[in-house]
Each structure stands twice: as structure tokens, then as C-alpha cells.
Amino acid sequence: MKKTLIILFVSIALSNCTSSSKKPQIDLLKELDLTTIDNYPAFDSCADEIDKKSCFYKELTITVQEQLDTIILDDTLGVDSFFIYVKIDTKGNFTIEKIENKIRLTKEFILELKEKINEIPSISPALKQGIPTNSTYKIRINLKNATA
């Protein structure tokens, strides 16, 4: 009887310790405001920069433009510019979350655009209190025709 009582007491004590140690972490995540970030995503080239935010935006623009320069434009697109919302997830992968002014863009162009953005090598994600978080950035895309 004593062995059963001791085993029961130890198992109750251990289960209480386990649940209380997890609770602060859950409370932290509930109180964490993920609408703002502490650290912008980081390209390797920005590691030594003082103004990481400016470096990030500059590198993001250059990287997206380099990817899009390989797309051959069709004269029938009928649009000079549009906006894309690029999402960088918690693993640093790029995806297009939304395209504005896409009414005149062809489905083929949109698919190729999405593929090119997905091909961008992953970077360090945005951080909020040391926790990787998703972040989205609006980028204006200016189209220039190869024949122009």
C-alpha cells in the first residue's frame, strides 16, 4: 500500500511540475505582438551594416529585380507597373502573398513571377523578441520591355 501511495504521489508531483513549466511559455506567446518586428530579415550582405533596415530594403529591391530581369515581357501586358506583396516566412523563404493591379497581367506571367520569387535563396527571417516571425513587404514592380 505504501509503495502504491508513494508512486501515486510522485506521479502527481511530476505532472504538476511539467504543466507549470510550460505555462509561462504559452503566456509569453499570447502576449507577443507579432504585428511589429524588432529585427528586419537579413541578407548575408547586410551582416556588417549599421543600418540593417535600409540595407534590407536595398537588397530586397535588387534581389527581386534580378529575378524579374530574366522574365521576357510580352507587349500585350498593357501595364507599366504593379505592386507585389512579398512574404518572408519564419524560415526565410520568399513567396508572393498578393499582387495588386494584376487585371491585365497574363496567368502565365503571374505563374512565372511567383516561380522567380520562390527561387530567391532563403535569408534570416524577421525577429520579434528573438522569435522568428513572418513579415510581408510591398514592392512596386516597374516593367520595361526588352524592345524599348
N, C-alpha and C. Protein backbone atom coordinates (compact mmCIF):
# COMPACT_ATOMS: atom_id res chain seq x y z
N MET A 1 0.82 -1.19 0.00
CA MET A 1 0.00 0.00 0.00
C MET A 1 0.88 1.27 0.00
N LYS A 2 1.97 1.24 0.79
CA LYS A 2 2.85 2.40 0.86
C LYS A 2 3.52 2.66 -0.49
N LYS A 3 3.93 1.57 -1.19
CA LYS A 3 4.57 1.72 -2.50
C LYS A 3 3.61 2.36 -3.49
N THR A 4 2.36 1.92 -3.48
CA THR A 4 1.36 2.48 -4.39
C THR A 4 1.13 3.95 -4.09
N LEU A 5 1.05 4.28 -2.82
CA LEU A 5 0.82 5.67 -2.42
C LEU A 5 2.00 6.56 -2.80
N ILE A 6 3.21 6.06 -2.63
CA ILE A 6 4.41 6.82 -3.00
C ILE A 6 4.46 7.03 -4.51
N ILE A 7 4.19 5.99 -5.30
CA ILE A 7 4.20 6.10 -6.76
C ILE A 7 3.13 7.09 -7.22
N LEU A 8 1.95 7.02 -6.60
CA LEU A 8 0.87 7.94 -6.94
C LEU A 8 1.27 9.38 -6.62
N PHE A 9 1.88 9.60 -5.45
CA PHE A 9 2.31 10.93 -5.03
C PHE A 9 3.39 11.48 -5.97
N VAL A 10 4.36 10.66 -6.34
CA VAL A 10 5.45 11.09 -7.23
C VAL A 10 4.89 11.42 -8.62
N SER A 11 3.99 10.60 -9.12
CA SER A 11 3.45 10.88 -10.46
C SER A 11 2.60 12.15 -10.46
N ILE A 12 1.86 12.42 -9.40
CA ILE A 12 1.09 13.67 -9.30
C ILE A 12 2.04 14.86 -9.22
N ALA A 13 3.09 14.74 -8.43
CA ALA A 13 4.05 15.83 -8.27
C ALA A 13 4.75 16.13 -9.60
N LEU A 14 5.14 15.10 -10.35
CA LEU A 14 5.81 15.30 -11.63
C LEU A 14 4.87 15.91 -12.66
N SER A 15 3.61 15.49 -12.66
CA SER A 15 2.68 16.05 -13.64
C SER A 15 2.42 17.53 -13.35
N ASN A 16 2.39 17.91 -12.09
CA ASN A 16 2.21 19.33 -11.75
C ASN A 16 3.42 20.15 -12.16
N CYS A 17 4.62 19.61 -11.99
CA CYS A 17 5.83 20.32 -12.39
C CYS A 17 5.87 20.53 -13.90
N THR A 18 5.48 19.53 -14.65
CA THR A 18 5.51 19.61 -16.10
C THR A 18 4.55 20.67 -16.61
N SER A 19 3.34 20.69 -16.14
CA SER A 19 2.36 21.65 -16.66
C SER A 19 2.70 23.09 -16.26
N SER A 20 3.26 23.29 -15.08
CA SER A 20 3.58 24.65 -14.68
C SER A 20 4.80 25.19 -15.43
N SER A 21 5.72 24.32 -15.85
CA SER A 21 6.88 24.81 -16.58
C SER A 21 6.51 25.21 -18.01
N LYS A 22 5.45 24.66 -18.57
CA LYS A 22 5.04 25.02 -19.91
C LYS A 22 4.20 26.30 -19.93
N LYS A 23 3.55 26.61 -18.86
CA LYS A 23 2.61 27.73 -18.84
C LYS A 23 3.25 29.09 -19.15
N PRO A 24 4.39 29.45 -18.58
CA PRO A 24 4.95 30.77 -18.91
C PRO A 24 5.24 30.95 -20.39
N GLN A 25 5.66 29.89 -21.06
CA GLN A 25 5.95 29.97 -22.48
C GLN A 25 4.67 30.26 -23.27
N ILE A 26 3.58 29.61 -22.92
CA ILE A 26 2.31 29.84 -23.58
C ILE A 26 1.84 31.28 -23.32
N ASP A 27 1.98 31.75 -22.10
CA ASP A 27 1.59 33.12 -21.78
C ASP A 27 2.43 34.12 -22.56
N LEU A 28 3.72 33.84 -22.73
CA LEU A 28 4.60 34.73 -23.48
C LEU A 28 4.11 34.87 -24.91
N LEU A 29 3.75 33.76 -25.54
CA LEU A 29 3.29 33.81 -26.92
C LEU A 29 1.95 34.51 -27.06
N LYS A 30 1.10 34.40 -26.06
CA LYS A 30 -0.18 35.10 -26.10
C LYS A 30 0.02 36.61 -26.03
N GLU A 31 1.02 37.05 -25.29
CA GLU A 31 1.26 38.49 -25.10
C GLU A 31 2.18 39.08 -26.16
N LEU A 32 2.75 38.27 -27.01
CA LEU A 32 3.70 38.73 -28.01
C LEU A 32 2.96 39.41 -29.17
N ASP A 33 3.29 40.66 -29.45
CA ASP A 33 2.66 41.41 -30.53
C ASP A 33 3.45 41.16 -31.81
N LEU A 34 2.90 40.32 -32.68
CA LEU A 34 3.61 39.98 -33.91
C LEU A 34 3.26 40.91 -35.07
N THR A 35 2.58 42.02 -34.79
CA THR A 35 2.27 42.99 -35.85
C THR A 35 3.46 43.90 -36.14
N THR A 36 4.41 43.96 -35.23
CA THR A 36 5.64 44.71 -35.46
C THR A 36 6.82 43.77 -35.24
N ILE A 37 7.97 44.14 -35.78
CA ILE A 37 9.15 43.30 -35.62
C ILE A 37 10.26 44.10 -34.95
N ASP A 38 11.15 43.38 -34.28
CA ASP A 38 12.31 44.01 -33.65
C ASP A 38 13.49 44.07 -34.61
N ASN A 39 13.68 42.99 -35.38
CA ASN A 39 14.78 42.90 -36.32
C ASN A 39 14.24 42.53 -37.69
N TYR A 40 14.64 43.30 -38.71
CA TYR A 40 14.24 43.00 -40.08
C TYR A 40 14.92 41.72 -40.55
N PRO A 41 14.34 41.07 -41.56
CA PRO A 41 15.04 39.92 -42.15
C PRO A 41 16.42 40.39 -42.61
N ALA A 42 17.36 39.46 -42.70
CA ALA A 42 18.73 39.88 -43.02
C ALA A 42 19.33 39.05 -44.15
N PHE A 43 19.80 39.77 -45.15
CA PHE A 43 20.61 39.16 -46.20
C PHE A 43 22.03 39.04 -45.65
N ASP A 44 22.79 38.08 -46.13
CA ASP A 44 24.17 37.91 -45.67
C ASP A 44 24.99 39.18 -45.89
N SER A 45 24.71 39.88 -46.98
CA SER A 45 25.48 41.08 -47.31
C SER A 45 25.22 42.23 -46.33
N CYS A 46 24.18 42.11 -45.51
CA CYS A 46 23.85 43.18 -44.56
C CYS A 46 24.38 42.89 -43.14
N ALA A 47 25.10 41.82 -42.97
CA ALA A 47 25.54 41.41 -41.62
C ALA A 47 26.37 42.47 -40.92
N ASP A 48 27.24 43.16 -41.65
CA ASP A 48 28.12 44.15 -41.04
C ASP A 48 27.61 45.59 -41.14
N GLU A 49 26.45 45.77 -41.71
CA GLU A 49 25.89 47.11 -41.89
C GLU A 49 25.33 47.66 -40.58
N ILE A 50 25.46 48.95 -40.37
CA ILE A 50 24.90 49.59 -39.18
C ILE A 50 23.40 49.77 -39.33
N ASP A 51 22.95 50.27 -40.49
CA ASP A 51 21.53 50.48 -40.75
C ASP A 51 20.98 49.24 -41.46
N LYS A 52 20.62 48.25 -40.69
CA LYS A 52 20.16 46.96 -41.23
C LYS A 52 18.85 47.10 -42.00
N LYS A 53 17.98 48.00 -41.56
CA LYS A 53 16.69 48.19 -42.23
C LYS A 53 16.91 48.70 -43.66
N SER A 54 17.70 49.75 -43.82
CA SER A 54 17.98 50.29 -45.15
C SER A 54 18.67 49.27 -46.04
N CYS A 55 19.62 48.56 -45.47
CA CYS A 55 20.34 47.53 -46.22
C CYS A 55 19.37 46.44 -46.68
N PHE A 56 18.47 46.04 -45.79
CA PHE A 56 17.50 45.01 -46.14
C PHE A 56 16.65 45.45 -47.33
N TYR A 57 16.08 46.66 -47.26
CA TYR A 57 15.22 47.15 -48.35
C TYR A 57 15.99 47.26 -49.66
N LYS A 58 17.23 47.74 -49.59
CA LYS A 58 18.06 47.86 -50.79
C LYS A 58 18.31 46.49 -51.41
N GLU A 59 18.71 45.53 -50.58
CA GLU A 59 18.99 44.18 -51.07
C GLU A 59 17.73 43.47 -51.57
N LEU A 60 16.61 43.72 -50.90
CA LEU A 60 15.35 43.12 -51.33
C LEU A 60 14.98 43.61 -52.72
N THR A 61 15.10 44.91 -52.94
CA THR A 61 14.80 45.50 -54.24
C THR A 61 15.72 44.94 -55.33
N ILE A 62 17.00 44.90 -55.04
CA ILE A 62 17.98 44.39 -56.02
C ILE A 62 17.71 42.92 -56.33
N THR A 63 17.47 42.13 -55.30
CA THR A 63 17.25 40.69 -55.47
C THR A 63 16.00 40.41 -56.29
N VAL A 64 14.91 41.09 -55.97
CA VAL A 64 13.66 40.89 -56.72
C VAL A 64 13.86 41.34 -58.16
N GLN A 65 14.52 42.48 -58.37
CA GLN A 65 14.74 42.97 -59.75
C GLN A 65 15.59 41.98 -60.54
N GLU A 66 16.63 41.41 -59.93
CA GLU A 66 17.47 40.43 -60.63
C GLU A 66 16.65 39.21 -61.05
N GLN A 67 15.76 38.78 -60.20
CA GLN A 67 14.90 37.63 -60.53
C GLN A 67 13.97 37.97 -61.69
N LEU A 68 13.42 39.19 -61.67
CA LEU A 68 12.44 39.56 -62.69
C LEU A 68 13.09 39.91 -64.02
N ASP A 69 14.37 40.27 -64.01
CA ASP A 69 15.05 40.61 -65.26
C ASP A 69 15.12 39.41 -66.22
N THR A 70 14.96 38.21 -65.72
CA THR A 70 15.03 37.02 -66.56
C THR A 70 13.69 36.70 -67.22
N ILE A 71 12.63 37.41 -66.84
CA ILE A 71 11.32 37.18 -67.45
C ILE A 71 11.21 38.01 -68.72
N ILE A 72 10.84 37.35 -69.80
CA ILE A 72 10.66 38.05 -71.07
C ILE A 72 9.23 38.59 -71.09
N LEU A 73 9.14 39.90 -71.31
CA LEU A 73 7.83 40.56 -71.27
C LEU A 73 7.14 40.50 -72.62
N ASP A 74 5.86 40.41 -72.54
CA ASP A 74 5.00 40.41 -73.72
C ASP A 74 4.42 41.81 -73.89
N ASP A 75 4.38 42.32 -75.11
CA ASP A 75 3.82 43.65 -75.38
C ASP A 75 2.36 43.75 -74.97
N THR A 76 1.68 42.64 -74.88
CA THR A 76 0.24 42.66 -74.60
C THR A 76 -0.09 42.78 -73.12
N LEU A 77 0.91 42.90 -72.25
CA LEU A 77 0.60 43.01 -70.83
C LEU A 77 -0.24 44.26 -70.53
N GLY A 78 0.03 45.35 -71.22
CA GLY A 78 -0.79 46.54 -71.08
C GLY A 78 -0.69 47.23 -69.74
N VAL A 79 0.38 47.04 -69.02
CA VAL A 79 0.56 47.68 -67.73
C VAL A 79 2.04 48.06 -67.58
N ASP A 80 2.31 49.23 -67.00
CA ASP A 80 3.69 49.68 -66.82
C ASP A 80 4.26 49.28 -65.46
N SER A 81 3.38 49.19 -64.48
CA SER A 81 3.85 48.83 -63.14
C SER A 81 2.71 48.18 -62.35
N PHE A 82 3.09 47.48 -61.31
CA PHE A 82 2.13 46.88 -60.39
C PHE A 82 2.85 46.65 -59.07
N PHE A 83 2.12 46.25 -58.05
CA PHE A 83 2.70 46.00 -56.73
C PHE A 83 2.58 44.53 -56.37
N ILE A 84 3.62 44.02 -55.73
CA ILE A 84 3.55 42.67 -55.16
C ILE A 84 3.82 42.77 -53.66
N TYR A 85 3.20 41.89 -52.93
CA TYR A 85 3.45 41.75 -51.50
C TYR A 85 4.27 40.48 -51.33
N VAL A 86 5.52 40.65 -50.94
CA VAL A 86 6.42 39.52 -50.77
C VAL A 86 6.45 39.14 -49.30
N LYS A 87 6.15 37.89 -49.03
CA LYS A 87 6.18 37.37 -47.66
C LYS A 87 7.48 36.62 -47.45
N ILE A 88 8.12 36.91 -46.33
CA ILE A 88 9.30 36.16 -45.90
C ILE A 88 8.86 35.40 -44.65
N ASP A 89 8.84 34.08 -44.73
CA ASP A 89 8.30 33.29 -43.62
C ASP A 89 9.33 33.08 -42.52
N THR A 90 8.96 32.31 -41.51
CA THR A 90 9.83 32.12 -40.34
C THR A 90 11.10 31.34 -40.67
N LYS A 91 11.16 30.75 -41.86
CA LYS A 91 12.37 30.05 -42.29
C LYS A 91 13.18 30.88 -43.28
N GLY A 92 12.67 32.09 -43.60
CA GLY A 92 13.39 32.97 -44.51
C GLY A 92 13.09 32.72 -45.97
N ASN A 93 12.05 31.95 -46.26
CA ASN A 93 11.68 31.67 -47.65
C ASN A 93 10.76 32.76 -48.19
N PHE A 94 10.90 33.05 -49.48
CA PHE A 94 10.13 34.10 -50.15
C PHE A 94 8.92 33.51 -50.88
N THR A 95 7.78 34.18 -50.77
CA THR A 95 6.60 33.85 -51.57
C THR A 95 5.84 35.14 -51.86
N ILE A 96 5.05 35.12 -52.92
CA ILE A 96 4.19 36.27 -53.21
C ILE A 96 2.88 36.02 -52.49
N GLU A 97 2.51 36.96 -51.65
CA GLU A 97 1.28 36.86 -50.89
C GLU A 97 0.10 37.47 -51.66
N LYS A 98 0.39 38.54 -52.41
CA LYS A 98 -0.68 39.26 -53.12
C LYS A 98 -0.07 40.05 -54.27
N ILE A 99 -0.86 40.22 -55.33
CA ILE A 99 -0.45 41.08 -56.45
C ILE A 99 -1.56 42.11 -56.66
N GLU A 100 -1.19 43.39 -56.65
CA GLU A 100 -2.13 44.47 -56.93
C GLU A 100 -2.01 44.86 -58.39
N ASN A 101 -3.10 45.34 -58.97
CA ASN A 101 -3.14 45.79 -60.38
C ASN A 101 -2.81 44.66 -61.34
N LYS A 102 -3.25 43.46 -61.03
CA LYS A 102 -2.91 42.32 -61.88
C LYS A 102 -3.95 42.05 -62.96
N ILE A 103 -4.93 42.92 -63.09
CA ILE A 103 -6.04 42.67 -64.00
C ILE A 103 -5.57 42.43 -65.44
N ARG A 104 -4.50 43.11 -65.85
CA ARG A 104 -4.01 42.96 -67.23
C ARG A 104 -2.83 42.00 -67.34
N LEU A 105 -2.38 41.45 -66.26
CA LEU A 105 -1.26 40.50 -66.31
C LEU A 105 -1.79 39.13 -66.71
N THR A 106 -1.06 38.46 -67.57
CA THR A 106 -1.48 37.13 -68.00
C THR A 106 -1.23 36.11 -66.90
N LYS A 107 -1.98 35.02 -66.94
CA LYS A 107 -1.79 33.95 -65.96
C LYS A 107 -0.38 33.38 -66.06
N GLU A 108 0.13 33.27 -67.28
CA GLU A 108 1.48 32.74 -67.48
C GLU A 108 2.53 33.65 -66.82
N PHE A 109 2.35 34.96 -67.00
CA PHE A 109 3.27 35.92 -66.40
C PHE A 109 3.23 35.83 -64.87
N ILE A 110 2.01 35.75 -64.31
CA ILE A 110 1.86 35.65 -62.85
C ILE A 110 2.51 34.38 -62.33
N LEU A 111 2.32 33.26 -63.02
CA LEU A 111 2.95 32.00 -62.59
C LEU A 111 4.47 32.10 -62.64
N GLU A 112 5.00 32.68 -63.72
CA GLU A 112 6.45 32.84 -63.83
C GLU A 112 6.99 33.78 -62.76
N LEU A 113 6.24 34.84 -62.48
CA LEU A 113 6.62 35.79 -61.43
C LEU A 113 6.70 35.08 -60.07
N LYS A 114 5.70 34.29 -59.76
CA LYS A 114 5.68 33.55 -58.49
C LYS A 114 6.84 32.57 -58.41
N GLU A 115 7.12 31.87 -59.50
CA GLU A 115 8.24 30.92 -59.52
C GLU A 115 9.56 31.64 -59.26
N LYS A 116 9.75 32.78 -59.91
CA LYS A 116 11.00 33.54 -59.75
C LYS A 116 11.18 34.03 -58.31
N ILE A 117 10.11 34.48 -57.68
CA ILE A 117 10.21 34.94 -56.29
C ILE A 117 10.49 33.76 -55.37
N ASN A 118 9.87 32.62 -55.63
CA ASN A 118 10.11 31.42 -54.81
C ASN A 118 11.55 30.92 -54.93
N GLU A 119 12.22 31.26 -56.04
CA GLU A 119 13.60 30.82 -56.26
C GLU A 119 14.63 31.64 -55.49
N ILE A 120 14.24 32.76 -54.92
CA ILE A 120 15.19 33.58 -54.17
C ILE A 120 15.70 32.77 -52.99
N PRO A 121 17.02 32.69 -52.81
CA PRO A 121 17.56 31.93 -51.67
C PRO A 121 17.05 32.47 -50.34
N SER A 122 16.84 31.58 -49.40
CA SER A 122 16.31 32.00 -48.10
C SER A 122 17.32 32.87 -47.35
N ILE A 123 16.78 33.72 -46.49
CA ILE A 123 17.59 34.64 -45.68
C ILE A 123 17.19 34.45 -44.23
N SER A 124 17.81 35.18 -43.33
CA SER A 124 17.42 35.15 -41.92
C SER A 124 16.07 35.85 -41.78
N PRO A 125 15.10 35.23 -41.11
CA PRO A 125 13.77 35.84 -41.01
C PRO A 125 13.74 37.02 -40.05
N ALA A 126 12.63 37.75 -40.08
CA ALA A 126 12.40 38.83 -39.12
C ALA A 126 12.27 38.22 -37.73
N LEU A 127 12.63 39.01 -36.71
CA LEU A 127 12.55 38.53 -35.33
C LEU A 127 11.72 39.46 -34.48
N LYS A 128 10.97 38.87 -33.58
CA LYS A 128 10.23 39.61 -32.55
C LYS A 128 10.61 38.97 -31.22
N GLN A 129 11.31 39.69 -30.39
CA GLN A 129 11.81 39.21 -29.11
C GLN A 129 12.55 37.88 -29.27
N GLY A 130 13.36 37.81 -30.32
CA GLY A 130 14.18 36.63 -30.58
C GLY A 130 13.45 35.47 -31.25
N ILE A 131 12.16 35.64 -31.53
CA ILE A 131 11.36 34.58 -32.14
C ILE A 131 11.18 34.88 -33.62
N PRO A 132 11.55 33.94 -34.52
CA PRO A 132 11.33 34.18 -35.96
C PRO A 132 9.84 34.40 -36.24
N THR A 133 9.56 35.35 -37.11
CA THR A 133 8.17 35.67 -37.44
C THR A 133 8.03 35.97 -38.93
N ASN A 134 6.84 35.77 -39.45
CA ASN A 134 6.56 36.11 -40.84
C ASN A 134 6.54 37.62 -41.00
N SER A 135 6.96 38.10 -42.16
CA SER A 135 6.87 39.52 -42.46
C SER A 135 6.55 39.69 -43.94
N THR A 136 5.81 40.75 -44.27
CA THR A 136 5.40 40.99 -45.64
C THR A 136 5.80 42.40 -46.05
N TYR A 137 6.27 42.55 -47.29
CA TYR A 137 6.76 43.83 -47.79
C TYR A 137 6.15 44.12 -49.16
N LYS A 138 5.69 45.35 -49.33
CA LYS A 138 5.08 45.79 -50.59
C LYS A 138 6.18 46.35 -51.49
N ILE A 139 6.22 45.83 -52.73
CA ILE A 139 7.26 46.25 -53.67
C ILE A 139 6.59 46.67 -54.98
N ARG A 140 6.98 47.82 -55.49
CA ARG A 140 6.49 48.27 -56.79
C ARG A 140 7.37 47.66 -57.87
N ILE A 141 6.74 47.07 -58.86
CA ILE A 141 7.46 46.46 -59.98
C ILE A 141 7.20 47.33 -61.21
N ASN A 142 8.28 47.89 -61.75
CA ASN A 142 8.20 48.68 -62.98
C ASN A 142 8.64 47.78 -64.14
N LEU A 143 7.76 47.65 -65.11
CA LEU A 143 8.05 46.79 -66.26
C LEU A 143 8.74 47.60 -67.34
N LYS A 144 9.76 46.98 -67.93
CA LYS A 144 10.40 47.59 -69.09
C LYS A 144 10.49 46.52 -70.15
N ASN A 145 10.07 46.87 -71.33
CA ASN A 145 10.04 45.93 -72.44
C ASN A 145 11.43 45.79 -73.03
N ALA A 146 11.78 44.57 -73.43
CA ALA A 146 13.10 44.30 -73.99
C ALA A 146 13.32 45.04 -75.31
N THR A 147 12.26 45.36 -76.02
CA THR A 147 12.40 46.06 -77.30
C THR A 147 12.51 47.57 -77.16
N ALA A 148 12.24 48.06 -75.97
CA ALA A 148 12.24 49.53 -75.76
C ALA A 148 13.65 50.06 -75.64
